[in-house]
Structures are given as structure tokens and as C-alpha cells.
Amino acid sequence: MIIELWSKGVLWDRLLGVHFMPLTDVRYCATPGNGKWLQIDQELETRNGQTVGTSKPTGHNVLVDVRFELPYGMLELFLSIEIL
């Protein structure tokens, strides 16, 4: 997942930077967490066409709370069939 930080302008918007977060780092949780401060960088690093990270810090940080949630009512269903 690529997180982008933009500055809204009157005529045009300006990209301030990006942060790459692998989906394997995203947790499953139904409740909000404390969030995490992420450093925003200028460039995406790619190898063999795959994004592997970012480089060149911009000095900007952003607080994000990223999580996967089950659809409403699905937790009870999964608990009843003992998947979780």
C-alpha cells in the first residue's frame, strides 16, 4: 500500500511525499488503535517492477491508524465456526 501526502492548492495540488507499507504489516482489528507515525519520503524504490520501499526523507511525518476489519456481523459468524 502506498500512502501519499498531498498539499491542496487553489489551482493545482502538490504531492509532498509517499510512504510504502506492505499489506503484511497491516493488522486485523475491529477497534481503533493508537496509530503510528510514518516518515514521508520523496521517491519510491522499485526492483524488478515491484515497489520495495521509499527513499529521500522530506521531513514530513503523518500519523496513521491502518487496520483490516471484518464486515459487520462477520466476527460472530467466524467465532461460531471457530475459524479465528
Protein backbone atom coordinates (compact mmCIF):
# COMPACT_ATOMS: atom_id res chain seq x y z
CA MET A 1 0.00 0.00 0.00
CA ILE A 2 1.33 3.43 -0.87
CA ILE A 3 0.34 6.33 1.39
CA GLU A 4 0.52 9.73 -0.32
CA LEU A 5 0.60 13.14 1.39
CA TRP A 6 -0.75 15.99 -0.73
CA SER A 7 -0.91 19.77 -0.30
CA LYS A 8 -4.18 21.16 -1.69
CA GLY A 9 -3.78 24.29 -3.76
CA VAL A 10 -6.18 26.76 -5.34
CA LEU A 11 -5.26 25.86 -8.93
CA TRP A 12 -3.41 22.57 -8.51
CA ASP A 13 -2.37 20.10 -5.85
CA ARG A 14 1.21 19.23 -4.95
CA LEU A 15 2.49 15.81 -3.87
CA LEU A 16 4.58 16.24 -0.70
CA GLY A 17 5.73 12.64 -0.47
CA VAL A 18 4.93 8.95 -0.14
CA HIS A 19 5.32 6.05 2.29
CA PHE A 20 5.26 2.38 1.29
CA MET A 21 3.59 -0.01 3.74
CA PRO A 22 3.45 -3.73 2.87
CA LEU A 23 -0.01 -5.19 3.44
CA THR A 24 1.62 -7.88 5.60
CA ASP A 25 2.31 -5.10 8.14
CA VAL A 26 -1.41 -4.24 8.43
CA ARG A 27 -3.17 -5.92 11.37
CA TYR A 28 -6.70 -7.29 11.67
CA CYS A 29 -8.61 -5.45 14.39
CA ALA A 30 -12.14 -4.12 14.91
CA THR A 31 -11.14 -1.32 17.28
CA PRO A 32 -9.12 1.83 16.59
CA GLY A 33 -5.51 1.73 17.72
CA ASN A 34 -3.05 4.38 18.84
CA GLY A 35 -1.77 4.96 15.33
CA LYS A 36 1.80 5.08 14.14
CA TRP A 37 3.94 7.98 12.95
CA LEU A 38 5.32 7.34 9.46
CA GLN A 39 8.12 9.22 7.76
CA ILE A 40 7.23 10.60 4.33
CA ASP A 41 9.85 10.22 1.58
CA GLN A 42 10.28 11.72 -1.90
CA GLU A 43 10.81 8.65 -4.07
CA LEU A 44 9.56 5.08 -4.42
CA GLU A 45 12.22 2.36 -4.61
CA THR A 46 11.45 -0.38 -7.13
CA ARG A 47 13.22 -3.63 -8.01
CA ASN A 48 12.14 -5.73 -10.98
CA GLY A 49 8.99 -3.62 -11.31
CA GLN A 50 7.93 -4.19 -7.66
CA THR A 51 7.80 -1.40 -5.07
CA VAL A 52 10.10 -2.32 -2.17
CA GLY A 53 10.29 0.93 -0.20
CA THR A 54 10.90 4.68 -0.30
CA SER A 55 13.94 6.96 -0.11
CA LYS A 56 14.99 10.60 0.40
CA PRO A 57 13.11 11.82 3.51
CA THR A 58 11.11 15.06 3.12
CA GLY A 59 10.97 15.94 6.82
CA HIS A 60 7.21 15.36 6.92
CA ASN A 61 5.56 12.78 9.18
CA VAL A 62 1.97 11.57 9.20
CA LEU A 63 0.02 9.75 11.93
CA VAL A 64 -1.94 6.79 10.52
CA ASP A 65 -4.10 4.06 12.04
CA VAL A 66 -4.26 1.32 9.42
CA ARG A 67 -6.17 -1.92 10.01
CA PHE A 68 -8.28 -4.54 8.28
CA GLU A 69 -11.77 -5.02 9.71
CA LEU A 70 -14.20 -7.87 9.13
CA PRO A 71 -17.56 -6.82 7.62
CA TYR A 72 -20.33 -6.01 10.12
CA GLY A 73 -21.69 -9.18 11.73
CA MET A 74 -18.98 -11.45 10.33
CA LEU A 75 -16.99 -11.70 13.59
CA GLU A 76 -19.82 -13.62 15.27
CA LEU A 77 -20.07 -15.92 12.25
CA PHE A 78 -16.35 -16.67 12.25
CA LEU A 79 -16.30 -17.23 16.01
CA SER A 80 -19.24 -19.62 15.75
CA ILE A 81 -17.42 -21.82 13.23
CA GLU A 82 -14.10 -21.45 15.12
CA ILE A 83 -12.04 -20.00 12.29
CA LEU A 84 -10.41 -17.30 14.40
